[in-house]
C-alpha atoms as a PDB file:
ATOM      1  CA  MET A   1       0.436  16.295   5.202  1.00  0.00           C
ATOM      2  CA  ASP A   2       1.899  18.952   2.936  1.00  0.00           C
ATOM      3  CA  SER A   3       5.238  18.694   1.160  1.00  0.00           C
ATOM      4  CA  ALA A   4       8.508  19.212   3.021  1.00  0.00           C
ATOM      5  CA  SER A   5       8.642  22.544   4.805  1.00  0.00           C
ATOM      6  CA  SER A   6      10.762  25.476   3.697  1.00  0.00           C
ATOM      7  CA  ASP A   7      13.309  24.987   6.451  1.00  0.00           C
ATOM      8  CA  ARG A   8      14.558  21.735   4.887  1.00  0.00           C
ATOM      9  CA  ARG A   9      18.042  22.478   3.610  1.00  0.00           C
ATOM     10  CA  THR A  10      18.817  22.016  -0.072  1.00  0.00           C
ATOM     11  CA  GLU A  11      22.570  21.840   0.476  1.00  0.00           C
ATOM     12  CA  ARG A  12      24.088  18.790   2.145  1.00  0.00           C
ATOM     13  CA  THR A  13      26.917  18.987   4.640  1.00  0.00           C
ATOM     14  CA  PRO A  14      30.032  16.777   4.383  1.00  0.00           C
ATOM     15  CA  LEU A  15      31.134  14.846   7.458  1.00  0.00           C
ATOM     16  CA  GLY A  16      33.561  16.939   9.505  1.00  0.00           C
ATOM     17  CA  ARG A  17      37.005  15.572  10.324  1.00  0.00           C
ATOM     18  CA  SER A  18      36.478  16.339  14.008  1.00  0.00           C
ATOM     19  CA  ALA A  19      33.571  13.896  14.303  1.00  0.00           C
ATOM     20  CA  GLU A  20      34.438  11.310  16.959  1.00  0.00           C
ATOM     21  CA  ASN A  21      31.144   9.846  18.181  1.00  0.00           C
ATOM     22  CA  GLY A  22      28.934   8.004  15.715  1.00  0.00           C
ATOM     23  CA  LEU A  23      25.626   6.923  17.227  1.00  0.00           C
ATOM     24  CA  LYS A  24      23.236   4.529  15.523  1.00  0.00           C
ATOM     25  CA  ILE A  25      19.631   5.635  15.949  1.00  0.00           C
ATOM     26  CA  VAL A  26      16.520   3.841  14.701  1.00  0.00           C
ATOM     27  CA  ILE A  27      13.356   5.710  13.709  1.00  0.00           C
ATOM     28  CA  THR A  28      10.431   3.366  14.141  1.00  0.00           C
ATOM     29  CA  GLY A  29       6.655   3.377  14.418  1.00  0.00           C
ATOM     30  CA  GLY A  30       3.558   2.327  12.555  1.00  0.00           C
ATOM     31  CA  PHE A  31       2.862   2.168   8.831  1.00  0.00           C
ATOM     32  CA  GLY A  32       2.649   5.602   7.182  1.00  0.00           C
ATOM     33  CA  VAL A  33       3.452   7.564  10.331  1.00  0.00           C
ATOM     34  CA  GLY A  34       6.180   9.714   8.731  1.00  0.00           C
ATOM     35  CA  LYS A  35       9.474   7.895   9.337  1.00  0.00           C
ATOM     36  CA  THR A  36      10.779   8.340   5.787  1.00  0.00           C
ATOM     37  CA  THR A  37       9.707  11.986   5.827  1.00  0.00           C
ATOM     38  CA  LEU A  38      11.630  12.580   9.062  1.00  0.00           C
ATOM     39  CA  VAL A  39      14.848  11.014   7.748  1.00  0.00           C
ATOM     40  CA  ARG A  40      14.588  13.014   4.532  1.00  0.00           C
ATOM     41  CA  ALA A  41      13.932  16.273   6.356  1.00  0.00           C
ATOM     42  CA  VAL A  42      16.803  16.080   8.828  1.00  0.00           C
ATOM     43  CA  SER A  43      19.583  14.243   6.975  1.00  0.00           C
ATOM     44  CA  ASP A  44      22.763  16.154   6.062  1.00  0.00           C
ATOM     45  CA  ILE A  45      23.291  13.837   3.113  1.00  0.00           C
ATOM     46  CA  ARG A  46      20.991  12.644   0.390  1.00  0.00           C
ATOM     47  CA  PRO A  47      19.184   9.857   2.231  1.00  0.00           C
ATOM     48  CA  LEU A  48      19.083   6.280   1.043  1.00  0.00           C
ATOM     49  CA  ASN A  49      15.495   5.160   0.572  1.00  0.00           C
ATOM     50  CA  THR A  50      14.177   1.722  -0.295  1.00  0.00           C
ATOM     51  CA  GLU A  51      10.740   2.904  -1.326  1.00  0.00           C
ATOM     52  CA  GLU A  52       8.533   1.132  -3.838  1.00  0.00           C
ATOM     53  CA  ILE A  53       5.333   2.318  -5.472  1.00  0.00           C
ATOM     54  CA  MET A  54       2.247   0.902  -3.800  1.00  0.00           C
ATOM     55  CA  THR A  55      -0.080  -0.937  -6.157  1.00  0.00           C
ATOM     56  CA  ARG A  56      -3.592  -2.309  -5.925  1.00  0.00           C
ATOM     57  CA  ALA A  57      -2.050  -5.768  -5.504  1.00  0.00           C
ATOM     58  CA  GLY A  58      -0.879  -4.742  -2.034  1.00  0.00           C
ATOM     59  CA  GLU A  59      -4.254  -3.592  -0.770  1.00  0.00           C
ATOM     60  CA  GLY A  60      -5.019  -6.995   0.680  1.00  0.00           C
ATOM     61  CA  VAL A  61      -1.593  -7.191   2.365  1.00  0.00           C
ATOM     62  CA  ASP A  62      -1.080  -3.747   3.923  1.00  0.00           C
ATOM     63  CA  ASP A  63      -3.883  -1.909   5.699  1.00  0.00           C
ATOM     64  CA  ILE A  64      -3.996   1.470   3.945  1.00  0.00           C
ATOM     65  CA  SER A  65      -7.414   2.503   5.254  1.00  0.00           C
ATOM     66  CA  ALA A  66      -5.859   5.234   7.424  1.00  0.00           C
ATOM     67  CA  VAL A  67      -3.320   6.385   4.831  1.00  0.00           C
ATOM     68  CA  ARG A  68      -5.330   6.564   1.605  1.00  0.00           C
ATOM     69  CA  ASP A  69      -3.057   9.227   0.111  1.00  0.00           C
ATOM     70  CA  LYS A  70       0.111   7.146   0.571  1.00  0.00           C
ATOM     71  CA  THR A  71       1.592   6.150  -2.809  1.00  0.00           C
ATOM     72  CA  SER A  72       4.925   4.562  -1.826  1.00  0.00           C
ATOM     73  CA  THR A  73       6.271   2.506   1.045  1.00  0.00           C
ATOM     74  CA  THR A  74       9.611   1.516   2.593  1.00  0.00           C
ATOM     75  CA  VAL A  75      10.428  -2.137   1.983  1.00  0.00           C
ATOM     76  CA  ALA A  76      13.780  -2.397   3.798  1.00  0.00           C
ATOM     77  CA  PHE A  77      14.956   0.735   5.608  1.00  0.00           C
ATOM     78  CA  ASP A  78      15.783   4.400   5.172  1.00  0.00           C
ATOM     79  CA  PHE A  79      19.248   5.727   5.965  1.00  0.00           C
ATOM     80  CA  GLY A  80      20.416   9.249   6.698  1.00  0.00           C
ATOM     81  CA  ARG A  81      23.045  11.122   8.696  1.00  0.00           C
ATOM     82  CA  ILE A  82      23.025  14.273  10.771  1.00  0.00           C
ATOM     83  CA  THR A  83      25.894  16.042  12.523  1.00  0.00           C
ATOM     84  CA  LEU A  84      24.695  17.416  15.868  1.00  0.00           C
ATOM     85  CA  ASN A  85      27.967  19.157  16.743  1.00  0.00           C
ATOM     86  CA  GLU A  86      31.671  18.982  15.923  1.00  0.00           C
ATOM     87  CA  ARG A  87      32.055  15.595  17.580  1.00  0.00           C
ATOM     88  CA  THR A  88      28.680  13.862  17.466  1.00  0.00           C
ATOM     89  CA  VAL A  89      27.128  12.300  14.378  1.00  0.00           C
ATOM     90  CA  LEU A  90      23.893  10.348  14.276  1.00  0.00           C
ATOM     91  CA  TYR A  91      23.351   7.584  11.732  1.00  0.00           C
ATOM     92  CA  LEU A  92      19.615   7.267  11.207  1.00  0.00           C
ATOM     93  CA  PHE A  93      17.860   4.071  10.186  1.00  0.00           C
ATOM     94  CA  GLY A  94      14.163   4.300   9.403  1.00  0.00           C
ATOM     95  CA  ALA A  95      12.418   0.975  10.004  1.00  0.00           C
ATOM     96  CA  PRO A  96       9.589  -0.216   7.738  1.00  0.00           C
ATOM     97  CA  GLY A  97       6.173   0.028   9.352  1.00  0.00           C
ATOM     98  CA  GLN A  98       4.260  -2.858   7.796  1.00  0.00           C
ATOM     99  CA  GLU A  99       3.856  -6.029   9.834  1.00  0.00           C
ATOM    100  CA  ARG A 100       5.255  -8.178   7.011  1.00  0.00           C
ATOM    101  CA  PHE A 101       8.625  -6.391   7.335  1.00  0.00           C
ATOM    102  CA  TRP A 102       8.908  -6.502  11.132  1.00  0.00           C
ATOM    103  CA  PHE A 103      11.416  -9.366  10.883  1.00  0.00           C
ATOM    104  CA  LEU A 104      13.931  -6.745   9.656  1.00  0.00           C
ATOM    105  CA  TRP A 105      13.694  -4.855  12.939  1.00  0.00           C
ATOM    106  CA  GLU A 106      15.761  -7.405  14.836  1.00  0.00           C
ATOM    107  CA  ARG A 107      18.780  -6.671  12.655  1.00  0.00           C
ATOM    108  CA  LEU A 108      18.198  -2.931  12.643  1.00  0.00           C
ATOM    109  CA  PHE A 109      18.250  -2.932  16.445  1.00  0.00           C
ATOM    110  CA  ILE A 110      21.727  -4.513  16.556  1.00  0.00           C
ATOM    111  CA  GLY A 111      24.192  -1.868  17.733  1.00  0.00           C
ATOM    112  CA  THR A 112      21.438   0.707  18.207  1.00  0.00           C
ATOM    113  CA  LEU A 113      21.990   3.091  21.123  1.00  0.00           C
ATOM    114  CA  GLY A 114      18.520   4.588  21.058  1.00  0.00           C
ATOM    115  CA  ALA A 115      15.323   4.972  19.084  1.00  0.00           C
ATOM    116  CA  VAL A 116      12.581   7.415  18.250  1.00  0.00           C
ATOM    117  CA  VAL A 117       9.061   5.985  18.112  1.00  0.00           C
ATOM    118  CA  LEU A 118       7.052   8.214  15.802  1.00  0.00           C
ATOM    119  CA  VAL A 119       3.307   8.106  16.491  1.00  0.00           C
ATOM    120  CA  ASP A 120       0.123   9.319  14.850  1.00  0.00           C
ATOM    121  CA  THR A 121      -2.531  10.029  17.497  1.00  0.00           C
ATOM    122  CA  ARG A 122      -5.227   8.843  15.093  1.00  0.00           C
ATOM    123  CA  ARG A 123      -3.608   5.386  15.113  1.00  0.00           C
ATOM    124  CA  LEU A 124      -1.815   4.999  18.439  1.00  0.00           C
ATOM    125  CA  ALA A 125      -2.327   1.235  18.487  1.00  0.00           C
ATOM    126  CA  ASP A 126      -0.004   0.964  15.469  1.00  0.00           C
ATOM    127  CA  SER A 127       2.892   2.012  17.730  1.00  0.00           C
ATOM    128  CA  TRP A 128       2.422  -0.578  20.450  1.00  0.00           C
ATOM    129  CA  TYR A 129       4.489  -3.244  18.695  1.00  0.00           C
ATOM    130  CA  ALA A 130       7.452  -0.899  18.243  1.00  0.00           C
ATOM    131  CA  ILE A 131       7.394   0.109  21.905  1.00  0.00           C
ATOM    132  CA  ASP A 132       7.055  -3.503  23.006  1.00  0.00           C
ATOM    133  CA  ARG A 133      10.024  -4.651  20.888  1.00  0.00           C
ATOM    134  CA  LEU A 134      12.243  -1.825  22.113  1.00  0.00           C
ATOM    135  CA  GLU A 135      11.392  -2.592  25.734  1.00  0.00           C
ATOM    136  CA  GLN A 136      12.164  -6.281  25.173  1.00  0.00           C
ATOM    137  CA  HIS A 137      15.523  -5.370  23.627  1.00  0.00           C
ATOM    138  CA  GLY A 138      16.259  -2.963  26.466  1.00  0.00           C
ATOM    139  CA  THR A 139      16.798  -0.182  23.924  1.00  0.00           C
ATOM    140  CA  PRO A 140      16.237   3.347  25.300  1.00  0.00           C
ATOM    141  CA  PHE A 141      13.696   5.299  23.305  1.00  0.00           C
ATOM    142  CA  ILE A 142      11.642   8.459  23.225  1.00  0.00           C
ATOM    143  CA  VAL A 143       8.242   9.011  21.640  1.00  0.00           C
ATOM    144  CA  ALA A 144       7.532  11.817  19.165  1.00  0.00           C
ATOM    145  CA  ARG A 145       3.972  12.736  18.228  1.00  0.00           C
ATOM    146  CA  ASN A 146       3.914  13.620  14.536  1.00  0.00           C
ATOM    147  CA  ARG A 147       1.419  16.429  14.023  1.00  0.00           C
ATOM    148  CA  PHE A 148      -1.305  15.334  11.617  1.00  0.00           C
ATOM    149  CA  GLU A 149      -4.711  16.907  11.181  1.00  0.00           C
ATOM    150  CA  GLY A 150      -7.358  15.382  13.389  1.00  0.00           C
ATOM    151  CA  PRO A 151      -8.716  15.442  16.939  1.00  0.00           C
ATOM    152  CA  ALA A 152      -6.463  17.245  19.393  1.00  0.00           C
ATOM    153  CA  HIS A 153      -4.938  15.209  22.216  1.00  0.00           C
ATOM    154  CA  THR A 154      -2.680  16.451  24.975  1.00  0.00           C
ATOM    155  CA  LEU A 155       0.710  14.831  25.421  1.00  0.00           C
ATOM    156  CA  GLU A 156      -0.467  13.487  28.778  1.00  0.00           C
ATOM    157  CA  GLN A 157      -3.398  11.787  27.055  1.00  0.00           C
ATOM    158  CA  VAL A 158      -0.991  10.251  24.564  1.00  0.00           C
ATOM    159  CA  ARG A 159       1.290   9.098  27.392  1.00  0.00           C
ATOM    160  CA  GLU A 160      -1.628   7.467  29.169  1.00  0.00           C
ATOM    161  CA  ALA A 161      -2.903   5.789  26.000  1.00  0.00           C
ATOM    162  CA  LEU A 162       0.551   4.339  25.274  1.00  0.00           C
ATOM    163  CA  ASP A 163       1.109   3.452  28.953  1.00  0.00           C
ATOM    164  CA  LEU A 164       4.484   5.196  28.829  1.00  0.00           C
ATOM    165  CA  PRO A 165       6.545   5.378  32.038  1.00  0.00           C
ATOM    166  CA  GLY A 166       7.101   8.884  33.332  1.00  0.00           C
ATOM    167  CA  HIS A 167      10.830   8.832  32.590  1.00  0.00           C
ATOM    168  CA  VAL A 168      10.346   8.239  28.842  1.00  0.00           C
ATOM    169  CA  PRO A 169      10.425  11.610  27.017  1.00  0.00           C
ATOM    170  CA  LEU A 170       7.350  12.428  24.929  1.00  0.00           C
ATOM    171  CA  VAL A 171       7.606  15.368  22.536  1.00  0.00           C
ATOM    172  CA  ASP A 172       5.804  16.982  19.619  1.00  0.00           C
ATOM    173  CA  CYS A 173       7.226  16.762  16.121  1.00  0.00           C
ATOM    174  CA  ASP A 174       6.597  17.913  12.572  1.00  0.00           C
ATOM    175  CA  ALA A 175       8.314  15.268  10.454  1.00  0.00           C
ATOM    176  CA  ARG A 176       8.491  17.708   7.508  1.00  0.00           C
ATOM    177  CA  SER A 177      10.538  20.244   9.467  1.00  0.00           C
ATOM    178  CA  ARG A 178      14.308  19.905   9.813  1.00  0.00           C
ATOM    179  CA  SER A 179      14.410  22.056  12.948  1.00  0.00           C
ATOM    180  CA  SER A 180      11.595  20.108  14.596  1.00  0.00           C
ATOM    181  CA  CYS A 181      13.190  16.736  13.773  1.00  0.00           C
ATOM    182  CA  LYS A 182      16.588  17.918  14.993  1.00  0.00           C
ATOM    183  CA  ALA A 183      15.007  18.960  18.304  1.00  0.00           C
ATOM    184  CA  VAL A 184      13.571  15.449  18.639  1.00  0.00           C
ATOM    185  CA  LEU A 185      16.990  13.873  18.046  1.00  0.00           C
ATOM    186  CA  LEU A 186      18.628  16.239  20.534  1.00  0.00           C
ATOM    187  CA  THR A 187      16.037  15.163  23.105  1.00  0.00           C
ATOM    188  CA  LEU A 188      16.956  11.530  22.478  1.00  0.00           C
ATOM    189  CA  VAL A 189      20.709  12.177  22.761  1.00  0.00           C
ATOM    190  CA  LYS A 190      20.265  14.088  26.022  1.00  0.00           C
ATOM    191  CA  TYR A 191      18.146  11.196  27.318  1.00  0.00           C
ATOM    192  CA  LEU A 192      20.847   8.680  26.347  1.00  0.00           C
ATOM    193  CA  TYR A 193      23.579  10.731  28.026  1.00  0.00           C
ATOM    194  CA  GLY A 194      21.430  10.945  31.154  1.00  0.00           C
ATOM    195  CA  ILE A 195      21.053   7.164  31.230  1.00  0.00           C
ATOM    196  CA  ALA A 196      24.798   6.700  30.719  1.00  0.00           C
ATOM    197  CA  ALA A 197      25.585   9.143  33.529  1.00  0.00           C
ATOM    198  CA  ALA A 198      23.194   7.364  35.895  1.00  0.00           C
ATOM    199  CA  GLN A 199      24.810   4.014  35.107  1.00  0.00           C
ATOM    200  CA  GLN A 200      28.275   5.396  35.789  1.00  0.00           C
ATOM    201  CA  ASN A 201      27.183   6.991  39.050  1.00  0.00           C
ATOM    202  CA  PRO A 202      24.151   5.064  40.353  1.00  0.00           C
ATOM    203  CA  GLU A 203      24.394   6.667  43.783  1.00  0.00           C
ATOM    204  CA  ALA A 204      23.535  10.030  42.249  1.00  0.00           C
ATOM    205  CA  THR A 205      20.244   8.690  40.876  1.00  0.00           C
ATOM    206  CA  PRO A 206      17.321   9.947  42.974  1.00  0.00           C
END
């Protein structure tokens, strides 16, 4: 993919005093799917990254066959923050995608209200573990298809391939674009509020 799009803001916004609701959100998915790019694009602050340069020594450990142009990788987590409105702030944690770092996910999921599973349609199988772990934890999540070059698939085809239930939102995303990433996060927050409302008033659920 190209470098970050022009709509990524160069100025960073301080946290407003009126902020009351801080929600922990995890961005997860397969190796090289764009999680770090998403956090960088949407964060109001300079994001914390734990990236290391990939070397030839790691070729036998991480499968880079589908991401030949990738030169660095997250070895712990990414962290960013975005203010959605005067009261709601999201704290974003980008989970590492390699299998050898999956043990970190358990701790990242602690206190998490929701998650975004970022997927690459060329490598959908890489997202199955993330979806499985979130379902086992009972963590609400949505799926965002990061737009890479390659064969076109409809969202319904992606839903079927991932065996996603109909109630789980599935949206398109450009991880380089702040506006696109913000729309994804708004979709997740609306989904979480809908779940909370249904739990408070189960009789209103169809």
